[in-house]
C-alpha atoms as a PDB file:
ATOM      1  CA  UNK A   1       2.911 124.704 -28.951  1.00  0.00           C
ATOM      2  CA  UNK A   2       1.368 121.820 -26.966  1.00  0.00           C
ATOM      3  CA  UNK A   3       4.654 120.781 -25.327  1.00  0.00           C
ATOM      4  CA  UNK A   4       5.283 124.252 -23.928  1.00  0.00           C
ATOM      5  CA  UNK A   5       1.998 124.628 -22.098  1.00  0.00           C
ATOM      6  CA  UNK A   6       1.536 127.932 -20.324  1.00  0.00           C
ATOM      7  CA  UNK A   7       0.878 126.778 -16.778  1.00  0.00           C
ATOM      8  CA  UNK A   8      -0.915 128.966 -14.286  1.00  0.00           C
ATOM      9  CA  UNK A   9       0.544 127.048 -11.343  1.00  0.00           C
ATOM     10  CA  UNK A  10       2.999 129.716 -10.236  1.00  0.00           C
ATOM     11  CA  UNK A  11       0.715 132.641 -10.957  1.00  0.00           C
ATOM     12  CA  UNK A  12       2.065 135.849 -12.460  1.00  0.00           C
ATOM     13  CA  UNK A  13       5.671 136.914 -12.594  1.00  0.00           C
ATOM     14  CA  UNK A  14       6.703 140.383 -11.490  1.00  0.00           C
ATOM     15  CA  UNK A  15       6.435 141.519 -15.101  1.00  0.00           C
ATOM     16  CA  UNK A  16       2.839 140.362 -15.281  1.00  0.00           C
ATOM     17  CA  UNK A  17       3.607 137.571 -17.755  1.00  0.00           C
ATOM     18  CA  UNK A  18       2.583 133.957 -17.162  1.00  0.00           C
ATOM     19  CA  UNK A  19       5.206 131.662 -15.632  1.00  0.00           C
ATOM     20  CA  UNK A  20       5.675 128.159 -17.039  1.00  0.00           C
ATOM     21  CA  UNK A  21       6.156 125.525 -14.350  1.00  0.00           C
ATOM     22  CA  UNK A  22       6.193 121.731 -14.310  1.00  0.00           C
ATOM     23  CA  UNK A  23       5.598 119.754 -11.082  1.00  0.00           C
ATOM     24  CA  UNK A  24       9.166 119.825  -9.789  1.00  0.00           C
ATOM     25  CA  UNK A  25       9.555 123.508 -10.685  1.00  0.00           C
ATOM     26  CA  UNK A  26       6.503 124.152  -8.513  1.00  0.00           C
ATOM     27  CA  UNK A  27       7.847 122.134  -5.594  1.00  0.00           C
ATOM     28  CA  UNK A  28      11.271 123.773  -5.908  1.00  0.00           C
ATOM     29  CA  UNK A  29       9.754 127.266  -5.919  1.00  0.00           C
ATOM     30  CA  UNK A  30       7.900 126.468  -2.705  1.00  0.00           C
ATOM     31  CA  UNK A  31      10.944 125.192  -0.751  1.00  0.00           C
ATOM     32  CA  UNK A  32      10.045 121.489  -0.936  1.00  0.00           C
ATOM     33  CA  UNK A  33      12.286 120.361  -3.796  1.00  0.00           C
ATOM     34  CA  UNK A  34      11.954 117.071  -5.637  1.00  0.00           C
ATOM     35  CA  UNK A  35      14.555 114.510  -4.614  1.00  0.00           C
ATOM     36  CA  UNK A  36      13.174 111.974  -7.075  1.00  0.00           C
ATOM     37  CA  UNK A  37      11.075 112.479 -10.210  1.00  0.00           C
ATOM     38  CA  UNK A  38       9.954 109.452 -12.234  1.00  0.00           C
ATOM     39  CA  UNK A  39       7.794 109.328 -15.345  1.00  0.00           C
ATOM     40  CA  UNK A  40       7.457 107.301 -18.524  1.00  0.00           C
ATOM     41  CA  UNK A  41       5.094 109.875 -20.005  1.00  0.00           C
ATOM     42  CA  UNK A  42       6.692 113.328 -19.742  1.00  0.00           C
ATOM     43  CA  UNK A  43       9.343 115.635 -18.315  1.00  0.00           C
ATOM     44  CA  UNK A  44       8.580 116.795 -14.772  1.00  0.00           C
ATOM     45  CA  UNK A  45      10.803 119.886 -15.042  1.00  0.00           C
ATOM     46  CA  UNK A  46      10.284 122.459 -17.787  1.00  0.00           C
ATOM     47  CA  UNK A  47      14.036 122.421 -18.455  1.00  0.00           C
ATOM     48  CA  UNK A  48      14.474 118.642 -18.537  1.00  0.00           C
ATOM     49  CA  UNK A  49      15.598 117.060 -21.800  1.00  0.00           C
ATOM     50  CA  UNK A  50      17.359 113.912 -20.579  1.00  0.00           C
ATOM     51  CA  UNK A  51      16.190 110.316 -20.755  1.00  0.00           C
ATOM     52  CA  UNK A  52      12.867 109.427 -19.098  1.00  0.00           C
ATOM     53  CA  UNK A  53      13.186 105.647 -19.171  1.00  0.00           C
ATOM     54  CA  UNK A  54      15.043 102.754 -20.766  1.00  0.00           C
ATOM     55  CA  UNK A  55      13.609  99.902 -22.815  1.00  0.00           C
ATOM     56  CA  UNK A  56      15.248  96.549 -23.438  1.00  0.00           C
ATOM     57  CA  UNK A  57      14.245  94.425 -26.433  1.00  0.00           C
ATOM     58  CA  UNK A  58      14.128  90.667 -26.485  1.00  0.00           C
ATOM     59  CA  UNK A  59      15.420  90.084 -30.004  1.00  0.00           C
ATOM     60  CA  UNK A  60      19.019  91.062 -29.187  1.00  0.00           C
ATOM     61  CA  UNK A  61      18.983  92.200 -25.523  1.00  0.00           C
ATOM     62  CA  UNK A  62      19.989  95.738 -26.455  1.00  0.00           C
ATOM     63  CA  UNK A  63      18.609  98.851 -24.770  1.00  0.00           C
ATOM     64  CA  UNK A  64      17.455 102.307 -25.806  1.00  0.00           C
ATOM     65  CA  UNK A  65      16.719 105.444 -23.793  1.00  0.00           C
ATOM     66  CA  UNK A  66      13.424 107.227 -24.382  1.00  0.00           C
ATOM     67  CA  UNK A  67      13.609 111.011 -23.982  1.00  0.00           C
ATOM     68  CA  UNK A  68      11.099 113.839 -24.361  1.00  0.00           C
ATOM     69  CA  UNK A  69      10.248 114.944 -27.875  1.00  0.00           C
ATOM     70  CA  UNK A  70      11.540 118.359 -26.849  1.00  0.00           C
ATOM     71  CA  UNK A  71      12.736 120.013 -23.644  1.00  0.00           C
ATOM     72  CA  UNK A  72      10.055 119.823 -20.981  1.00  0.00           C
ATOM     73  CA  UNK A  73       7.788 117.789 -23.250  1.00  0.00           C
ATOM     74  CA  UNK A  74       6.203 114.366 -23.494  1.00  0.00           C
ATOM     75  CA  UNK A  75       7.995 111.069 -24.126  1.00  0.00           C
ATOM     76  CA  UNK A  76       8.968 110.223 -27.680  1.00  0.00           C
ATOM     77  CA  UNK A  77       6.815 107.130 -28.138  1.00  0.00           C
ATOM     78  CA  UNK A  78       7.866 106.887 -31.782  1.00  0.00           C
ATOM     79  CA  UNK A  79      11.423 106.091 -30.689  1.00  0.00           C
ATOM     80  CA  UNK A  80      10.145 103.224 -28.547  1.00  0.00           C
ATOM     81  CA  UNK A  81       7.825 101.962 -31.278  1.00  0.00           C
ATOM     82  CA  UNK A  82      10.662 101.876 -33.808  1.00  0.00           C
ATOM     83  CA  UNK A  83      13.119 100.203 -31.436  1.00  0.00           C
ATOM     84  CA  UNK A  84      10.583  97.615 -30.232  1.00  0.00           C
ATOM     85  CA  UNK A  85       9.024  96.832 -33.622  1.00  0.00           C
ATOM     86  CA  UNK A  86       8.348  93.111 -34.124  1.00  0.00           C
ATOM     87  CA  UNK A  87       9.885  92.092 -30.797  1.00  0.00           C
ATOM     88  CA  UNK A  88       9.117  92.044 -27.098  1.00  0.00           C
ATOM     89  CA  UNK A  89      10.302  95.025 -25.052  1.00  0.00           C
ATOM     90  CA  UNK A  90      10.530  95.648 -21.320  1.00  0.00           C
ATOM     91  CA  UNK A  91      10.997  98.824 -19.311  1.00  0.00           C
ATOM     92  CA  UNK A  92      14.347  98.198 -17.639  1.00  0.00           C
ATOM     93  CA  UNK A  93      14.817 101.569 -15.894  1.00  0.00           C
ATOM     94  CA  UNK A  94      12.815 104.655 -14.965  1.00  0.00           C
ATOM     95  CA  UNK A  95      15.280 107.513 -14.711  1.00  0.00           C
ATOM     96  CA  UNK A  96      15.246 110.105 -11.938  1.00  0.00           C
ATOM     97  CA  UNK A  97      14.890 113.581 -13.418  1.00  0.00           C
ATOM     98  CA  UNK A  98      15.935 115.358 -10.191  1.00  0.00           C
ATOM     99  CA  UNK A  99      19.668 114.974 -10.841  1.00  0.00           C
ATOM    100  CA  UNK A 100      20.183 112.757  -7.772  1.00  0.00           C
ATOM    101  CA  UNK A 101      20.397 109.536  -9.798  1.00  0.00           C
ATOM    102  CA  UNK A 102      17.582 107.859  -7.884  1.00  0.00           C
ATOM    103  CA  UNK A 103      16.825 105.647 -10.871  1.00  0.00           C
ATOM    104  CA  UNK A 104      14.401 102.741 -10.491  1.00  0.00           C
ATOM    105  CA  UNK A 105      15.510  99.348 -11.795  1.00  0.00           C
ATOM    106  CA  UNK A 106      14.550  95.699 -11.338  1.00  0.00           C
ATOM    107  CA  UNK A 107      13.789  95.015  -7.651  1.00  0.00           C
ATOM    108  CA  UNK A 108      15.975  92.471  -5.837  1.00  0.00           C
ATOM    109  CA  UNK A 109      14.682  89.700  -3.544  1.00  0.00           C
ATOM    110  CA  UNK A 110      13.905  90.445   0.088  1.00  0.00           C
ATOM    111  CA  UNK A 111      11.285  89.150   2.464  1.00  0.00           C
ATOM    112  CA  UNK A 112       9.682  87.742  -0.685  1.00  0.00           C
ATOM    113  CA  UNK A 113      11.357  86.494  -3.864  1.00  0.00           C
ATOM    114  CA  UNK A 114      10.337  87.568  -7.314  1.00  0.00           C
ATOM    115  CA  UNK A 115       9.904  85.054 -10.144  1.00  0.00           C
ATOM    116  CA  UNK A 116      13.047  85.999 -12.116  1.00  0.00           C
ATOM    117  CA  UNK A 117      16.507  84.471 -11.766  1.00  0.00           C
ATOM    118  CA  UNK A 118      18.002  84.897  -8.310  1.00  0.00           C
ATOM    119  CA  UNK A 119      14.667  85.900  -6.809  1.00  0.00           C
ATOM    120  CA  UNK A 120      14.601  89.229  -8.645  1.00  0.00           C
ATOM    121  CA  UNK A 121      11.328  90.701  -9.867  1.00  0.00           C
ATOM    122  CA  UNK A 122      10.373  90.714 -13.529  1.00  0.00           C
ATOM    123  CA  UNK A 123      10.085  93.862 -15.657  1.00  0.00           C
ATOM    124  CA  UNK A 124       7.040  95.557 -17.141  1.00  0.00           C
ATOM    125  CA  UNK A 125       6.009  95.173 -20.777  1.00  0.00           C
ATOM    126  CA  UNK A 126       7.017  98.422 -22.472  1.00  0.00           C
ATOM    127  CA  UNK A 127       3.914  98.271 -24.688  1.00  0.00           C
ATOM    128  CA  UNK A 128       1.485  97.406 -21.897  1.00  0.00           C
ATOM    129  CA  UNK A 129      -0.110 100.775 -21.145  1.00  0.00           C
ATOM    130  CA  UNK A 130      -0.535 103.077 -24.159  1.00  0.00           C
ATOM    131  CA  UNK A 131      -2.383 106.341 -23.482  1.00  0.00           C
ATOM    132  CA  UNK A 132      -2.219 109.918 -24.755  1.00  0.00           C
ATOM    133  CA  UNK A 133      -1.055 113.244 -23.367  1.00  0.00           C
ATOM    134  CA  UNK A 134      -2.563 116.210 -25.182  1.00  0.00           C
ATOM    135  CA  UNK A 135      -3.598 113.826 -27.948  1.00  0.00           C
ATOM    136  CA  UNK A 136      -0.152 112.306 -28.492  1.00  0.00           C
ATOM    137  CA  UNK A 137       0.726 108.683 -27.696  1.00  0.00           C
ATOM    138  CA  UNK A 138       2.870 107.810 -24.680  1.00  0.00           C
ATOM    139  CA  UNK A 139       3.286 104.693 -22.544  1.00  0.00           C
ATOM    140  CA  UNK A 140       2.668 104.086 -18.856  1.00  0.00           C
ATOM    141  CA  UNK A 141       4.290 101.449 -16.665  1.00  0.00           C
ATOM    142  CA  UNK A 142       1.897  98.505 -16.258  1.00  0.00           C
ATOM    143  CA  UNK A 143       2.822  96.393 -13.222  1.00  0.00           C
ATOM    144  CA  UNK A 144       1.557  92.819 -12.972  1.00  0.00           C
ATOM    145  CA  UNK A 145       2.131  90.247 -10.232  1.00  0.00           C
ATOM    146  CA  UNK A 146       5.839  89.439  -9.939  1.00  0.00           C
ATOM    147  CA  UNK A 147       7.005  92.803 -11.310  1.00  0.00           C
ATOM    148  CA  UNK A 148       8.652  95.576  -9.314  1.00  0.00           C
ATOM    149  CA  UNK A 149      11.244  98.363  -9.274  1.00  0.00           C
ATOM    150  CA  UNK A 150      13.474  99.688  -6.487  1.00  0.00           C
ATOM    151  CA  UNK A 151      16.312 102.061  -5.627  1.00  0.00           C
ATOM    152  CA  UNK A 152      18.263 101.175  -2.517  1.00  0.00           C
ATOM    153  CA  UNK A 153      20.765 103.745  -1.280  1.00  0.00           C
ATOM    154  CA  UNK A 154      18.666 106.601  -2.617  1.00  0.00           C
ATOM    155  CA  UNK A 155      20.017 110.121  -2.169  1.00  0.00           C
ATOM    156  CA  UNK A 156      18.016 112.850  -0.418  1.00  0.00           C
ATOM    157  CA  UNK A 157      15.055 110.732   0.709  1.00  0.00           C
ATOM    158  CA  UNK A 158      13.551 111.317   4.156  1.00  0.00           C
ATOM    159  CA  UNK A 159      15.072 109.313   6.988  1.00  0.00           C
ATOM    160  CA  UNK A 160      13.452 108.540  10.323  1.00  0.00           C
ATOM    161  CA  UNK A 161      11.034 111.385  11.164  1.00  0.00           C
ATOM    162  CA  UNK A 162      12.167 113.809   8.447  1.00  0.00           C
ATOM    163  CA  UNK A 163       9.332 115.553   6.570  1.00  0.00           C
ATOM    164  CA  UNK A 164       8.554 114.462   3.016  1.00  0.00           C
ATOM    165  CA  UNK A 165       5.900 114.562   0.334  1.00  0.00           C
ATOM    166  CA  UNK A 166       5.034 112.527  -2.745  1.00  0.00           C
ATOM    167  CA  UNK A 167       2.447 112.151  -5.471  1.00  0.00           C
ATOM    168  CA  UNK A 168       1.704 109.630  -8.193  1.00  0.00           C
ATOM    169  CA  UNK A 169      -0.558 109.618 -11.239  1.00  0.00           C
ATOM    170  CA  UNK A 170      -2.066 106.144 -11.574  1.00  0.00           C
ATOM    171  CA  UNK A 171      -4.623 104.186 -13.573  1.00  0.00           C
ATOM    172  CA  UNK A 172      -7.752 104.156 -11.420  1.00  0.00           C
ATOM    173  CA  UNK A 173      -9.097 101.070 -13.197  1.00  0.00           C
ATOM    174  CA  UNK A 174      -6.026  98.819 -12.779  1.00  0.00           C
ATOM    175  CA  UNK A 175      -5.677  97.254  -9.323  1.00  0.00           C
ATOM    176  CA  UNK A 176      -6.138  94.124  -7.233  1.00  0.00           C
ATOM    177  CA  UNK A 177      -6.438  93.123  -3.569  1.00  0.00           C
ATOM    178  CA  UNK A 178      -2.887  91.847  -3.145  1.00  0.00           C
ATOM    179  CA  UNK A 179       0.139  93.396  -1.454  1.00  0.00           C
ATOM    180  CA  UNK A 180       1.265  95.892  -2.448  1.00  0.00           C
ATOM    181  CA  UNK A 181       1.120  98.373  -5.311  1.00  0.00           C
ATOM    182  CA  UNK A 182       3.208 101.135  -3.700  1.00  0.00           C
ATOM    183  CA  UNK A 183       5.286 104.155  -4.644  1.00  0.00           C
ATOM    184  CA  UNK A 184       7.448 105.842  -2.039  1.00  0.00           C
ATOM    185  CA  UNK A 185       9.859 105.484   0.859  1.00  0.00           C
ATOM    186  CA  UNK A 186      10.768 101.953   2.030  1.00  0.00           C
ATOM    187  CA  UNK A 187      13.311  99.768   3.806  1.00  0.00           C
ATOM    188  CA  UNK A 188      16.920  99.458   2.688  1.00  0.00           C
ATOM    189  CA  UNK A 189      17.064  95.746   3.571  1.00  0.00           C
ATOM    190  CA  UNK A 190      14.153  94.727   1.297  1.00  0.00           C
ATOM    191  CA  UNK A 191      12.552  93.171   4.390  1.00  0.00           C
ATOM    192  CA  UNK A 192       9.827  94.162   6.847  1.00  0.00           C
ATOM    193  CA  UNK A 193      11.655  95.932   9.682  1.00  0.00           C
ATOM    194  CA  UNK A 194       8.542  97.023  11.550  1.00  0.00           C
ATOM    195  CA  UNK A 195       5.800  99.621  11.838  1.00  0.00           C
ATOM    196  CA  UNK A 196       6.781 103.106  10.678  1.00  0.00           C
ATOM    197  CA  UNK A 197       9.754 101.992   8.580  1.00  0.00           C
ATOM    198  CA  UNK A 198       8.174 103.063   5.306  1.00  0.00           C
ATOM    199  CA  UNK A 199       5.880 105.790   3.976  1.00  0.00           C
ATOM    200  CA  UNK A 200       4.477 105.091   0.531  1.00  0.00           C
ATOM    201  CA  UNK A 201       1.367 105.653  -1.564  1.00  0.00           C
ATOM    202  CA  UNK A 202      -0.723 102.483  -1.903  1.00  0.00           C
ATOM    203  CA  UNK A 203      -3.506 101.894  -4.435  1.00  0.00           C
ATOM    204  CA  UNK A 204      -5.837  98.900  -4.534  1.00  0.00           C
ATOM    205  CA  UNK A 205      -8.477  96.956  -2.619  1.00  0.00           C
ATOM    206  CA  UNK A 206      -6.398  95.102  -0.019  1.00  0.00           C
ATOM    207  CA  UNK A 207      -8.314  94.936   3.285  1.00  0.00           C
ATOM    208  CA  UNK A 208      -5.903  92.851   5.367  1.00  0.00           C
ATOM    209  CA  UNK A 209      -4.853  95.885   7.452  1.00  0.00           C
ATOM    210  CA  UNK A 210      -7.489  98.523   6.796  1.00  0.00           C
ATOM    211  CA  UNK A 211     -10.025  99.882   4.342  1.00  0.00           C
ATOM    212  CA  UNK A 212     -11.731 103.041   3.213  1.00  0.00           C
ATOM    213  CA  UNK A 213     -15.358 103.759   2.406  1.00  0.00           C
ATOM    214  CA  UNK A 214     -17.253 101.602  -0.069  1.00  0.00           C
ATOM    215  CA  UNK A 215     -15.681  98.726  -1.955  1.00  0.00           C
ATOM    216  CA  UNK A 216     -12.557 100.506  -3.199  1.00  0.00           C
ATOM    217  CA  UNK A 217     -10.131 100.880  -4.757  1.00  0.00           C
ATOM    218  CA  UNK A 218      -8.584 103.293  -2.258  1.00  0.00           C
ATOM    219  CA  UNK A 219      -5.598 105.565  -2.038  1.00  0.00           C
ATOM    220  CA  UNK A 220      -3.948 104.662   1.260  1.00  0.00           C
ATOM    221  CA  UNK A 221      -0.639 105.089   3.039  1.00  0.00           C
ATOM    222  CA  UNK A 222       1.561 102.020   3.433  1.00  0.00           C
ATOM    223  CA  UNK A 223       3.403 102.770   6.663  1.00  0.00           C
ATOM    224  CA  UNK A 224       4.587  99.148   7.047  1.00  0.00           C
ATOM    225  CA  UNK A 225       2.523  96.593   8.925  1.00  0.00           C
ATOM    226  CA  UNK A 226      -0.506  98.719   8.097  1.00  0.00           C
ATOM    227  CA  UNK A 227      -2.421 100.392   5.258  1.00  0.00           C
ATOM    228  CA  UNK A 228      -4.081 103.593   6.428  1.00  0.00           C
ATOM    229  CA  UNK A 229      -6.696 105.972   5.065  1.00  0.00           C
ATOM    230  CA  UNK A 230      -6.743 107.907   8.340  1.00  0.00           C
ATOM    231  CA  UNK A 231      -5.726 107.534  11.969  1.00  0.00           C
ATOM    232  CA  UNK A 232      -7.844 104.427  12.577  1.00  0.00           C
ATOM    233  CA  UNK A 233      -6.062 101.200  11.709  1.00  0.00           C
ATOM    234  CA  UNK A 234      -9.159  99.358  10.492  1.00  0.00           C
ATOM    235  CA  UNK A 235     -11.637 101.732   8.843  1.00  0.00           C
ATOM    236  CA  UNK A 236     -11.383 105.250   7.400  1.00  0.00           C
ATOM    237  CA  UNK A 237     -14.771 106.678   6.422  1.00  0.00           C
ATOM    238  CA  UNK A 238     -13.149 109.771   4.903  1.00  0.00           C
ATOM    239  CA  UNK A 239     -11.091 107.732   2.409  1.00  0.00           C
ATOM    240  CA  UNK A 240     -13.398 107.305  -0.620  1.00  0.00           C
ATOM    241  CA  UNK A 241     -13.520 104.641  -3.298  1.00  0.00           C
ATOM    242  CA  UNK A 242     -11.849 105.892  -6.480  1.00  0.00           C
ATOM    243  CA  UNK A 243     -13.945 106.052  -9.647  1.00  0.00           C
ATOM    244  CA  UNK A 244     -11.783 108.121 -12.053  1.00  0.00           C
ATOM    245  CA  UNK A 245      -9.777 106.530 -14.877  1.00  0.00           C
ATOM    246  CA  UNK A 246      -6.716 108.631 -14.058  1.00  0.00           C
ATOM    247  CA  UNK A 247      -6.100 109.411 -10.397  1.00  0.00           C
ATOM    248  CA  UNK A 248      -3.681 111.721  -8.607  1.00  0.00           C
ATOM    249  CA  UNK A 249      -2.627 110.283  -5.235  1.00  0.00           C
ATOM    250  CA  UNK A 250      -0.842 112.485  -2.684  1.00  0.00           C
ATOM    251  CA  UNK A 251       0.846 111.529   0.592  1.00  0.00           C
ATOM    252  CA  UNK A 252       2.951 113.645   2.947  1.00  0.00           C
ATOM    253  CA  UNK A 253       4.262 113.350   6.477  1.00  0.00           C
ATOM    254  CA  UNK A 254       6.189 115.150   9.191  1.00  0.00           C
ATOM    255  CA  UNK A 255       6.592 114.641  12.958  1.00  0.00           C
ATOM    256  CA  UNK A 256       3.205 113.422  14.287  1.00  0.00           C
ATOM    257  CA  UNK A 257       1.306 114.670  11.250  1.00  0.00           C
ATOM    258  CA  UNK A 258       0.475 113.140   7.919  1.00  0.00           C
ATOM    259  CA  UNK A 259      -2.009 113.801   5.139  1.00  0.00           C
ATOM    260  CA  UNK A 260      -3.640 111.851   2.332  1.00  0.00           C
ATOM    261  CA  UNK A 261      -5.180 113.598  -0.694  1.00  0.00           C
ATOM    262  CA  UNK A 262      -6.507 112.616  -4.085  1.00  0.00           C
ATOM    263  CA  UNK A 263      -8.306 113.740  -7.209  1.00  0.00           C
ATOM    264  CA  UNK A 264      -9.140 113.089 -10.843  1.00  0.00           C
ATOM    265  CA  UNK A 265      -5.994 113.711 -12.920  1.00  0.00           C
ATOM    266  CA  UNK A 266      -8.036 115.052 -15.834  1.00  0.00           C
ATOM    267  CA  UNK A 267     -10.308 117.596 -14.160  1.00  0.00           C
ATOM    268  CA  UNK A 268     -10.833 119.414 -10.888  1.00  0.00           C
ATOM    269  CA  UNK A 269      -8.987 119.861  -7.634  1.00  0.00           C
ATOM    270  CA  UNK A 270      -7.478 117.668  -4.959  1.00  0.00           C
ATOM    271  CA  UNK A 271      -9.551 116.610  -1.958  1.00  0.00           C
ATOM    272  CA  UNK A 272      -8.037 116.046   1.473  1.00  0.00           C
ATOM    273  CA  UNK A 273      -9.069 112.638   2.822  1.00  0.00           C
ATOM    274  CA  UNK A 274      -7.113 112.920   6.066  1.00  0.00           C
ATOM    275  CA  UNK A 275      -4.812 115.445   7.737  1.00  0.00           C
ATOM    276  CA  UNK A 276      -3.907 114.866  11.351  1.00  0.00           C
ATOM    277  CA  UNK A 277      -2.013 112.795  13.866  1.00  0.00           C
ATOM    278  CA  UNK A 278      -0.091 109.672  13.042  1.00  0.00           C
ATOM    279  CA  UNK A 279      -1.767 106.332  13.790  1.00  0.00           C
ATOM    280  CA  UNK A 280      -0.962 104.756  17.144  1.00  0.00           C
ATOM    281  CA  UNK A 281       2.451 103.128  17.014  1.00  0.00           C
ATOM    282  CA  UNK A 282       3.650 105.296  14.108  1.00  0.00           C
ATOM    283  CA  UNK A 283       5.017 108.313  15.946  1.00  0.00           C
ATOM    284  CA  UNK A 284       7.903 108.756  15.576  1.00  0.00           C
ATOM    285  CA  UNK A 285       8.539 107.311  12.139  1.00  0.00           C
ATOM    286  CA  UNK A 286      11.628 105.298  11.218  1.00  0.00           C
ATOM    287  CA  UNK A 287      11.821 105.855   7.469  1.00  0.00           C
ATOM    288  CA  UNK A 288      14.857 104.221   5.859  1.00  0.00           C
ATOM    289  CA  UNK A 289      14.983 105.993   2.502  1.00  0.00           C
ATOM    290  CA  UNK A 290      14.844 103.436  -0.302  1.00  0.00           C
ATOM    291  CA  UNK A 291      12.371 104.030  -3.153  1.00  0.00           C
ATOM    292  CA  UNK A 292       9.926 101.374  -4.371  1.00  0.00           C
ATOM    293  CA  UNK A 293       7.436 101.121  -7.219  1.00  0.00           C
ATOM    294  CA  UNK A 294       4.871  98.357  -7.643  1.00  0.00           C
ATOM    295  CA  UNK A 295       5.903  96.305  -4.599  1.00  0.00           C
ATOM    296  CA  UNK A 296       5.799  96.383  -0.806  1.00  0.00           C
ATOM    297  CA  UNK A 297       8.756  97.329   1.327  1.00  0.00           C
ATOM    298  CA  UNK A 298       9.627  93.659   1.814  1.00  0.00           C
ATOM    299  CA  UNK A 299       9.365  93.027  -1.944  1.00  0.00           C
ATOM    300  CA  UNK A 300       5.811  91.702  -1.685  1.00  0.00           C
ATOM    301  CA  UNK A 301       5.261  91.349  -5.471  1.00  0.00           C
ATOM    302  CA  UNK A 302       1.685  90.195  -5.965  1.00  0.00           C
ATOM    303  CA  UNK A 303      -0.113  93.482  -6.668  1.00  0.00           C
ATOM    304  CA  UNK A 304      -0.967  95.095  -9.977  1.00  0.00           C
ATOM    305  CA  UNK A 305      -1.374  98.680 -11.127  1.00  0.00           C
ATOM    306  CA  UNK A 306      -0.256 101.235 -13.699  1.00  0.00           C
ATOM    307  CA  UNK A 307       2.039 104.183 -12.965  1.00  0.00           C
ATOM    308  CA  UNK A 308       2.456 107.231 -15.186  1.00  0.00           C
ATOM    309  CA  UNK A 309       4.386 109.783 -13.157  1.00  0.00           C
ATOM    310  CA  UNK A 310       5.377 110.575  -9.576  1.00  0.00           C
ATOM    311  CA  UNK A 311       7.796 112.503  -7.407  1.00  0.00           C
ATOM    312  CA  UNK A 312       9.145 112.535  -3.883  1.00  0.00           C
ATOM    313  CA  UNK A 313      10.104 115.740  -2.081  1.00  0.00           C
ATOM    314  CA  UNK A 314      12.240 116.971   0.757  1.00  0.00           C
ATOM    315  CA  UNK A 315      10.018 118.794   3.249  1.00  0.00           C
ATOM    316  CA  UNK A 316       6.270 118.817   3.877  1.00  0.00           C
ATOM    317  CA  UNK A 317       4.556 120.498   0.884  1.00  0.00           C
ATOM    318  CA  UNK A 318       1.686 122.881   1.472  1.00  0.00           C
ATOM    319  CA  UNK A 319      -1.789 122.096   0.130  1.00  0.00           C
ATOM    320  CA  UNK A 320      -1.453 125.124  -2.116  1.00  0.00           C
ATOM    321  CA  UNK A 321       1.734 123.743  -3.665  1.00  0.00           C
ATOM    322  CA  UNK A 322       0.062 120.394  -4.319  1.00  0.00           C
ATOM    323  CA  UNK A 323      -2.977 122.125  -5.794  1.00  0.00           C
ATOM    324  CA  UNK A 324      -0.699 123.884  -8.287  1.00  0.00           C
ATOM    325  CA  UNK A 325       0.884 120.558  -9.190  1.00  0.00           C
ATOM    326  CA  UNK A 326      -2.586 119.091  -9.719  1.00  0.00           C
ATOM    327  CA  UNK A 327      -3.427 121.982 -12.054  1.00  0.00           C
ATOM    328  CA  UNK A 328      -0.366 121.147 -14.137  1.00  0.00           C
ATOM    329  CA  UNK A 329      -1.307 117.443 -14.241  1.00  0.00           C
ATOM    330  CA  UNK A 330      -4.784 118.372 -15.492  1.00  0.00           C
ATOM    331  CA  UNK A 331      -3.188 120.624 -18.127  1.00  0.00           C
ATOM    332  CA  UNK A 332      -1.142 117.653 -19.392  1.00  0.00           C
ATOM    333  CA  UNK A 333      -4.432 116.145 -20.667  1.00  0.00           C
ATOM    334  CA  UNK A 334      -4.147 112.488 -19.740  1.00  0.00           C
ATOM    335  CA  UNK A 335      -6.554 110.446 -21.858  1.00  0.00           C
ATOM    336  CA  UNK A 336      -7.119 106.927 -23.157  1.00  0.00           C
ATOM    337  CA  UNK A 337      -7.013 107.995 -26.788  1.00  0.00           C
END
């Protein structure tokens, strides 16, 4: 039963039997619950059977919701393939599985305009990133320049200096040096309101504000007016270049502490790249609580990347909790074919 994987993430129940747990079940069990859970590839709760994302087809401008094949399982790519046959299709929404309705839809204009009508961003090609989970076809969200998703007025996101965590599974081979392929907490005004007003995972090779070791790409933290791989604003020797095809990126923060972690989504454990004090000028934080995907906090829309799944939490998750989540991601068996 490939969709009902027995996950070791929560260890043994009192009866001695194995406990099944998806990422948000793990976070919930460790008192840092998901307040947003987004994926076009699979359910992030074992009990989730609702829609994962929405596609819109060009032939008649109608939409269809794509749900898991079964409860807690992977996305039903066959439904998308049938609906989108012989026509263009876009991903028009990525639904929040947490129950807080923090759904991601087309990003509006802000400090930068997108290329669509009214300055909005364009939407991702629904067929742009086919991969497999446990040998079965699913689709990722392939962001190109001009595309982006956002949820203003999100419920439950960290505000100001509140603790939070987040992770994303990304394509380690899809990136550029533009600003900014992000997932996480951002401004509510869609404009740059200053240092410390956002806390989001960044992936790419932009060096305008900082860089990691080697030539990149790097997992970094976009804290607004700065990309950080550590405390130093310009260079972080502990933030390595990413070489894996599928990468798990982890970011978390609380008062005067933040951490950056990463690993191969198909094998092995997470590595901590930085865990320590906030950079100068970023303590306290002034998080505003919107959620972005594929853009900067001010709607900077020139980056590219591919997103498969990610969550945001309330509270500062422990390394052990994140390691259990990583084990579940590995068990999902991300692959190119």
